Amino acid sequence: MNNIVQTAISAGSFKTLVAAVQAAGLAETLSGTGPFTVFAPTDEAFAKLPAGTVDALLKDKEKLASILTYHVVSGQVTAADAIKLTEAKTVNGQSFKIVAGKDGVMIDNAKVVTADIMTSNGVIHVIDSVILPR
């Protein structure tokens, strides 16, 4: 079974996320023992950001790392676990809101589009927007 980074690379729909994780120096951490739960924005999610945002972030390693670690929770949190929560503390130190409703699960302003992609060192939940720390 592949780790989080290998799984994201092989999926093919996380090229921007993988490039950002590598640029921020987080690939080694997210390939480590974990477990981690990653709320992974797709390439389409990154494309929703204002023009130039991704390029600017790739040049600002500290801000990029802050945003990326806001998408990661320590431990393995499955969808069944997440829907029982109203928020989760991220590796960045801040918490994001979790709202489970008839339309699915929202993480701040992002919808979970695919849940529980299991990896050797945690779980990935695919989200349709990039979430930003406050």
N, C-alpha and C. Protein backbone atom coordinates (compact mmCIF):
# COMPACT_ATOMS: atom_id res chain seq x y z
N MET A 1 0.85 -1.19 0.00
CA MET A 1 0.00 0.00 0.00
C MET A 1 0.89 1.25 0.00
N ASN A 2 0.55 2.22 -0.83
CA ASN A 2 1.33 3.45 -0.93
C ASN A 2 1.04 4.41 0.23
N ASN A 3 2.01 5.30 0.49
CA ASN A 3 1.79 6.32 1.51
C ASN A 3 0.97 7.48 0.91
N ILE A 4 0.70 8.50 1.71
CA ILE A 4 -0.14 9.62 1.28
C ILE A 4 0.42 10.29 0.03
N VAL A 5 1.70 10.61 0.02
CA VAL A 5 2.30 11.32 -1.12
C VAL A 5 2.27 10.44 -2.38
N GLN A 6 2.66 9.17 -2.24
CA GLN A 6 2.64 8.25 -3.39
C GLN A 6 1.23 8.09 -3.94
N THR A 7 0.25 7.99 -3.05
CA THR A 7 -1.14 7.84 -3.46
C THR A 7 -1.61 9.08 -4.22
N ALA A 8 -1.26 10.26 -3.71
CA ALA A 8 -1.65 11.52 -4.37
C ALA A 8 -1.00 11.62 -5.76
N ILE A 9 0.26 11.22 -5.87
CA ILE A 9 0.96 11.27 -7.16
C ILE A 9 0.29 10.31 -8.14
N SER A 10 0.03 9.08 -7.71
CA SER A 10 -0.53 8.09 -8.63
C SER A 10 -1.96 8.40 -9.03
N ALA A 11 -2.69 9.15 -8.22
CA ALA A 11 -4.08 9.50 -8.56
C ALA A 11 -4.13 10.39 -9.80
N GLY A 12 -3.13 11.26 -9.95
CA GLY A 12 -3.07 12.10 -11.15
C GLY A 12 -3.88 13.38 -11.08
N SER A 13 -4.76 13.52 -10.09
CA SER A 13 -5.60 14.72 -10.01
C SER A 13 -5.14 15.69 -8.91
N PHE A 14 -3.94 15.45 -8.40
CA PHE A 14 -3.39 16.28 -7.32
C PHE A 14 -2.03 16.85 -7.69
N LYS A 15 -1.79 17.13 -8.97
CA LYS A 15 -0.48 17.63 -9.40
C LYS A 15 -0.09 18.92 -8.68
N THR A 16 -1.05 19.86 -8.54
CA THR A 16 -0.75 21.12 -7.87
C THR A 16 -0.45 20.89 -6.40
N LEU A 17 -1.26 20.06 -5.75
CA LEU A 17 -1.04 19.76 -4.33
C LEU A 17 0.33 19.12 -4.12
N VAL A 18 0.67 18.14 -4.94
CA VAL A 18 1.95 17.45 -4.81
C VAL A 18 3.10 18.44 -5.02
N ALA A 19 2.99 19.30 -6.04
CA ALA A 19 4.03 20.31 -6.29
C ALA A 19 4.16 21.25 -5.09
N ALA A 20 3.02 21.63 -4.51
CA ALA A 20 3.03 22.54 -3.36
C ALA A 20 3.65 21.86 -2.14
N VAL A 21 3.28 20.60 -1.91
CA VAL A 21 3.83 19.84 -0.77
C VAL A 21 5.35 19.72 -0.92
N GLN A 22 5.81 19.46 -2.14
CA GLN A 22 7.25 19.35 -2.38
C GLN A 22 7.92 20.71 -2.20
N ALA A 23 7.32 21.78 -2.73
CA ALA A 23 7.90 23.13 -2.62
C ALA A 23 7.98 23.59 -1.17
N ALA A 24 7.01 23.17 -0.36
CA ALA A 24 6.98 23.57 1.06
C ALA A 24 7.87 22.68 1.92
N GLY A 25 8.46 21.65 1.34
CA GLY A 25 9.32 20.75 2.10
C GLY A 25 8.56 19.79 2.99
N LEU A 26 7.31 19.50 2.64
CA LEU A 26 6.47 18.64 3.49
C LEU A 26 6.34 17.21 2.96
N ALA A 27 6.91 16.93 1.79
CA ALA A 27 6.75 15.60 1.20
C ALA A 27 7.33 14.51 2.10
N GLU A 28 8.48 14.78 2.69
CA GLU A 28 9.12 13.79 3.56
C GLU A 28 8.25 13.51 4.78
N THR A 29 7.71 14.56 5.39
CA THR A 29 6.85 14.41 6.56
C THR A 29 5.61 13.58 6.21
N LEU A 30 4.95 13.94 5.11
CA LEU A 30 3.72 13.25 4.74
C LEU A 30 3.97 11.85 4.15
N SER A 31 5.25 11.52 3.96
CA SER A 31 5.61 10.16 3.55
C SER A 31 6.03 9.35 4.77
N GLY A 32 6.12 10.01 5.93
CA GLY A 32 6.58 9.39 7.17
C GLY A 32 5.53 8.48 7.79
N THR A 33 5.80 8.08 9.03
CA THR A 33 4.97 7.06 9.67
C THR A 33 3.55 7.50 9.95
N GLY A 34 3.34 8.78 10.28
CA GLY A 34 1.97 9.24 10.55
C GLY A 34 1.41 8.60 11.81
N PRO A 35 0.12 8.31 11.86
CA PRO A 35 -0.81 8.51 10.74
C PRO A 35 -1.26 9.98 10.62
N PHE A 36 -1.63 10.32 9.39
CA PHE A 36 -2.13 11.65 9.07
C PHE A 36 -3.46 11.51 8.35
N THR A 37 -4.28 12.55 8.48
CA THR A 37 -5.48 12.66 7.67
C THR A 37 -5.31 13.91 6.84
N VAL A 38 -5.37 13.75 5.52
CA VAL A 38 -5.18 14.88 4.61
C VAL A 38 -6.48 15.18 3.89
N PHE A 39 -6.91 16.43 3.97
CA PHE A 39 -8.05 16.91 3.20
C PHE A 39 -7.44 17.53 1.95
N ALA A 40 -7.46 16.76 0.85
CA ALA A 40 -6.67 17.06 -0.33
C ALA A 40 -7.47 17.77 -1.41
N PRO A 41 -7.13 19.04 -1.69
CA PRO A 41 -7.79 19.75 -2.78
C PRO A 41 -7.29 19.21 -4.13
N THR A 42 -8.20 19.05 -5.07
CA THR A 42 -7.85 18.60 -6.41
C THR A 42 -7.20 19.74 -7.19
N ASP A 43 -6.68 19.42 -8.36
CA ASP A 43 -6.14 20.46 -9.24
C ASP A 43 -7.22 21.48 -9.57
N GLU A 44 -8.47 21.02 -9.77
CA GLU A 44 -9.58 21.93 -10.06
C GLU A 44 -9.83 22.87 -8.88
N ALA A 45 -9.65 22.37 -7.64
CA ALA A 45 -9.82 23.22 -6.46
C ALA A 45 -8.79 24.34 -6.46
N PHE A 46 -7.54 24.00 -6.76
CA PHE A 46 -6.49 25.03 -6.82
C PHE A 46 -6.78 26.02 -7.95
N ALA A 47 -7.37 25.54 -9.05
CA ALA A 47 -7.67 26.40 -10.20
C ALA A 47 -8.73 27.44 -9.86
N LYS A 48 -9.54 27.20 -8.81
CA LYS A 48 -10.57 28.16 -8.38
C LYS A 48 -9.95 29.39 -7.70
N LEU A 49 -8.71 29.27 -7.22
CA LEU A 49 -8.07 30.41 -6.55
C LEU A 49 -7.83 31.53 -7.56
N PRO A 50 -7.78 32.78 -7.09
CA PRO A 50 -7.52 33.89 -8.02
C PRO A 50 -6.23 33.68 -8.82
N ALA A 51 -6.22 34.17 -10.05
CA ALA A 51 -5.06 34.02 -10.94
C ALA A 51 -3.79 34.48 -10.23
N GLY A 52 -2.73 33.69 -10.36
CA GLY A 52 -1.44 34.04 -9.78
C GLY A 52 -1.24 33.59 -8.35
N THR A 53 -2.31 33.17 -7.67
CA THR A 53 -2.21 32.78 -6.26
C THR A 53 -1.26 31.61 -6.06
N VAL A 54 -1.43 30.56 -6.86
CA VAL A 54 -0.60 29.37 -6.69
C VAL A 54 0.86 29.69 -6.95
N ASP A 55 1.14 30.43 -8.02
CA ASP A 55 2.53 30.81 -8.32
C ASP A 55 3.14 31.63 -7.18
N ALA A 56 2.35 32.56 -6.63
CA ALA A 56 2.84 33.38 -5.52
C ALA A 56 3.12 32.51 -4.29
N LEU A 57 2.23 31.57 -4.01
CA LEU A 57 2.42 30.69 -2.85
C LEU A 57 3.64 29.79 -3.02
N LEU A 58 3.88 29.31 -4.24
CA LEU A 58 5.04 28.45 -4.47
C LEU A 58 6.35 29.19 -4.19
N LYS A 59 6.30 30.52 -4.23
CA LYS A 59 7.50 31.33 -3.95
C LYS A 59 7.59 31.74 -2.48
N ASP A 60 6.50 31.53 -1.71
CA ASP A 60 6.46 31.92 -0.30
C ASP A 60 6.30 30.65 0.54
N LYS A 61 7.44 30.00 0.78
CA LYS A 61 7.44 28.67 1.42
C LYS A 61 6.73 28.67 2.77
N GLU A 62 6.93 29.73 3.57
CA GLU A 62 6.33 29.78 4.91
C GLU A 62 4.80 29.85 4.83
N LYS A 63 4.28 30.74 3.98
CA LYS A 63 2.83 30.86 3.84
C LYS A 63 2.25 29.59 3.22
N LEU A 64 2.94 29.03 2.25
CA LEU A 64 2.50 27.80 1.60
C LEU A 64 2.41 26.66 2.63
N ALA A 65 3.43 26.52 3.45
CA ALA A 65 3.44 25.48 4.49
C ALA A 65 2.29 25.68 5.47
N SER A 66 2.00 26.93 5.82
CA SER A 66 0.90 27.24 6.74
C SER A 66 -0.44 26.79 6.14
N ILE A 67 -0.65 27.09 4.86
CA ILE A 67 -1.90 26.69 4.20
C ILE A 67 -1.98 25.17 4.08
N LEU A 68 -0.90 24.54 3.66
CA LEU A 68 -0.92 23.08 3.47
C LEU A 68 -1.13 22.35 4.79
N THR A 69 -0.49 22.79 5.87
CA THR A 69 -0.66 22.10 7.15
C THR A 69 -2.05 22.32 7.73
N TYR A 70 -2.77 23.32 7.21
CA TYR A 70 -4.18 23.54 7.60
C TYR A 70 -5.08 22.46 6.98
N HIS A 71 -4.56 21.73 6.01
CA HIS A 71 -5.30 20.64 5.36
C HIS A 71 -4.98 19.28 5.98
N VAL A 72 -4.16 19.26 7.05
CA VAL A 72 -3.70 17.99 7.64
C VAL A 72 -4.07 17.93 9.12
N VAL A 73 -4.61 16.77 9.51
CA VAL A 73 -4.95 16.50 10.91
C VAL A 73 -4.09 15.31 11.35
N SER A 74 -3.53 15.39 12.56
CA SER A 74 -2.77 14.25 13.09
C SER A 74 -3.72 13.11 13.39
N GLY A 75 -3.27 11.90 13.13
CA GLY A 75 -4.08 10.72 13.38
C GLY A 75 -4.88 10.34 12.16
N GLN A 76 -5.54 9.21 12.24
CA GLN A 76 -6.35 8.73 11.13
C GLN A 76 -7.81 9.01 11.45
N VAL A 77 -8.41 9.95 10.71
CA VAL A 77 -9.80 10.33 10.92
C VAL A 77 -10.60 9.90 9.69
N THR A 78 -11.40 8.85 9.85
CA THR A 78 -12.21 8.38 8.74
C THR A 78 -13.47 9.25 8.62
N ALA A 79 -14.21 9.07 7.55
CA ALA A 79 -15.45 9.82 7.36
C ALA A 79 -16.41 9.55 8.51
N ALA A 80 -16.48 8.31 8.96
CA ALA A 80 -17.37 7.96 10.07
C ALA A 80 -16.98 8.71 11.34
N ASP A 81 -15.68 8.93 11.54
CA ASP A 81 -15.21 9.70 12.70
C ASP A 81 -15.52 11.19 12.50
N ALA A 82 -15.25 11.69 11.29
CA ALA A 82 -15.36 13.13 11.01
C ALA A 82 -16.78 13.64 11.17
N ILE A 83 -17.78 12.83 10.76
CA ILE A 83 -19.16 13.33 10.84
C ILE A 83 -19.66 13.48 12.28
N LYS A 84 -18.92 12.92 13.23
CA LYS A 84 -19.28 13.08 14.65
C LYS A 84 -18.67 14.34 15.25
N LEU A 85 -17.80 15.01 14.49
CA LEU A 85 -17.09 16.19 14.98
C LEU A 85 -17.69 17.48 14.43
N THR A 86 -17.46 18.59 15.13
CA THR A 86 -17.87 19.90 14.62
C THR A 86 -16.66 20.70 14.17
N GLU A 87 -15.49 20.25 14.60
CA GLU A 87 -14.24 20.88 14.17
C GLU A 87 -13.09 19.91 14.40
N ALA A 88 -11.97 20.21 13.76
CA ALA A 88 -10.78 19.38 13.94
C ALA A 88 -9.56 20.29 13.99
N LYS A 89 -8.66 20.00 14.92
CA LYS A 89 -7.43 20.77 15.04
C LYS A 89 -6.43 20.29 14.00
N THR A 90 -5.88 21.22 13.25
CA THR A 90 -4.96 20.87 12.18
C THR A 90 -3.52 20.91 12.66
N VAL A 91 -2.62 20.38 11.84
CA VAL A 91 -1.19 20.40 12.14
C VAL A 91 -0.69 21.84 12.19
N ASN A 92 -1.38 22.74 11.49
CA ASN A 92 -1.04 24.16 11.48
C ASN A 92 -1.30 24.81 12.85
N GLY A 93 -2.13 24.17 13.69
CA GLY A 93 -2.43 24.70 15.02
C GLY A 93 -3.83 25.29 15.12
N GLN A 94 -4.40 25.67 13.98
CA GLN A 94 -5.76 26.19 13.96
C GLN A 94 -6.73 25.03 13.71
N SER A 95 -8.01 25.29 13.97
CA SER A 95 -9.03 24.29 13.72
C SER A 95 -9.92 24.71 12.56
N PHE A 96 -10.40 23.72 11.81
CA PHE A 96 -11.40 24.03 10.79
C PHE A 96 -12.74 23.45 11.22
N LYS A 97 -13.82 24.02 10.68
CA LYS A 97 -15.17 23.57 10.99
C LYS A 97 -15.53 22.35 10.14
N ILE A 98 -16.30 21.44 10.74
CA ILE A 98 -16.84 20.29 10.03
C ILE A 98 -18.35 20.33 10.18
N VAL A 99 -19.05 20.33 9.05
CA VAL A 99 -20.51 20.32 9.07
C VAL A 99 -20.99 19.18 8.19
N ALA A 100 -21.69 18.23 8.82
CA ALA A 100 -22.26 17.11 8.07
C ALA A 100 -23.75 17.37 7.90
N GLY A 101 -24.21 17.33 6.66
CA GLY A 101 -25.63 17.58 6.39
C GLY A 101 -26.12 16.72 5.26
N LYS A 102 -27.34 16.99 4.80
CA LYS A 102 -27.93 16.17 3.74
C LYS A 102 -27.17 16.28 2.43
N ASP A 103 -26.42 17.38 2.25
CA ASP A 103 -25.64 17.56 1.02
C ASP A 103 -24.22 17.02 1.14
N GLY A 104 -23.92 16.35 2.25
CA GLY A 104 -22.58 15.80 2.44
C GLY A 104 -21.84 16.47 3.57
N VAL A 105 -20.53 16.36 3.54
CA VAL A 105 -19.69 16.90 4.61
C VAL A 105 -18.91 18.10 4.08
N MET A 106 -18.96 19.19 4.84
CA MET A 106 -18.23 20.40 4.49
C MET A 106 -17.08 20.58 5.49
N ILE A 107 -15.91 20.94 4.96
CA ILE A 107 -14.74 21.27 5.76
C ILE A 107 -14.51 22.76 5.48
N ASP A 108 -14.83 23.62 6.44
CA ASP A 108 -14.90 25.07 6.20
C ASP A 108 -15.79 25.28 4.97
N ASN A 109 -15.24 25.84 3.88
CA ASN A 109 -16.06 26.11 2.69
C ASN A 109 -15.88 25.05 1.59
N ALA A 110 -15.25 23.94 1.92
CA ALA A 110 -14.96 22.91 0.91
C ALA A 110 -15.83 21.67 1.15
N LYS A 111 -16.32 21.11 0.07
CA LYS A 111 -17.13 19.88 0.16
C LYS A 111 -16.22 18.67 -0.01
N VAL A 112 -16.44 17.66 0.83
CA VAL A 112 -15.73 16.39 0.66
C VAL A 112 -16.39 15.66 -0.51
N VAL A 113 -15.61 15.43 -1.56
CA VAL A 113 -16.17 14.76 -2.76
C VAL A 113 -15.83 13.28 -2.80
N THR A 114 -14.76 12.87 -2.16
CA THR A 114 -14.41 11.46 -2.03
C THR A 114 -13.79 11.28 -0.65
N ALA A 115 -14.28 10.31 0.10
CA ALA A 115 -13.79 10.10 1.46
C ALA A 115 -13.07 8.75 1.57
N ASP A 116 -12.25 8.66 2.60
CA ASP A 116 -11.64 7.39 3.01
C ASP A 116 -10.79 6.69 1.96
N ILE A 117 -9.87 7.44 1.35
CA ILE A 117 -8.86 6.80 0.51
C ILE A 117 -7.75 6.38 1.46
N MET A 118 -7.69 5.09 1.74
CA MET A 118 -6.76 4.59 2.75
C MET A 118 -5.35 4.47 2.18
N THR A 119 -4.35 4.86 2.98
CA THR A 119 -2.95 4.77 2.59
C THR A 119 -2.19 4.06 3.71
N SER A 120 -0.92 3.80 3.47
CA SER A 120 -0.12 3.08 4.47
C SER A 120 0.12 3.93 5.73
N ASN A 121 0.00 5.26 5.61
CA ASN A 121 0.28 6.12 6.76
C ASN A 121 -0.86 7.10 7.05
N GLY A 122 -2.07 6.71 6.69
CA GLY A 122 -3.21 7.57 7.01
C GLY A 122 -4.33 7.46 6.00
N VAL A 123 -5.06 8.56 5.88
CA VAL A 123 -6.24 8.56 5.02
C VAL A 123 -6.33 9.91 4.30
N ILE A 124 -6.85 9.87 3.07
CA ILE A 124 -7.05 11.08 2.29
C ILE A 124 -8.55 11.25 2.05
N HIS A 125 -9.02 12.49 2.25
CA HIS A 125 -10.38 12.87 1.87
C HIS A 125 -10.21 13.95 0.81
N VAL A 126 -10.85 13.77 -0.34
CA VAL A 126 -10.72 14.72 -1.43
C VAL A 126 -11.73 15.85 -1.25
N ILE A 127 -11.26 17.10 -1.35
CA ILE A 127 -12.16 18.26 -1.21
C ILE A 127 -12.13 19.10 -2.49
N ASP A 128 -13.22 19.86 -2.70
CA ASP A 128 -13.38 20.59 -3.96
C ASP A 128 -12.89 22.04 -3.92
N SER A 129 -12.34 22.47 -2.79
CA SER A 129 -11.82 23.84 -2.66
C SER A 129 -10.61 23.82 -1.74
N VAL A 130 -9.75 24.82 -1.92
CA VAL A 130 -8.62 25.00 -1.00
C VAL A 130 -9.17 25.74 0.21
N ILE A 131 -8.87 25.23 1.41
CA ILE A 131 -9.31 25.91 2.64
C ILE A 131 -8.15 26.74 3.17
N LEU A 132 -8.47 27.90 3.73
CA LEU A 132 -7.43 28.83 4.16
C LEU A 132 -7.53 29.09 5.65
N PRO A 133 -6.38 29.04 6.34
CA PRO A 133 -6.39 29.37 7.77
C PRO A 133 -6.79 30.84 7.96
N ARG A 134 -7.31 31.13 9.13
CA ARG A 134 -7.73 32.52 9.42
C ARG A 134 -6.56 33.38 9.80
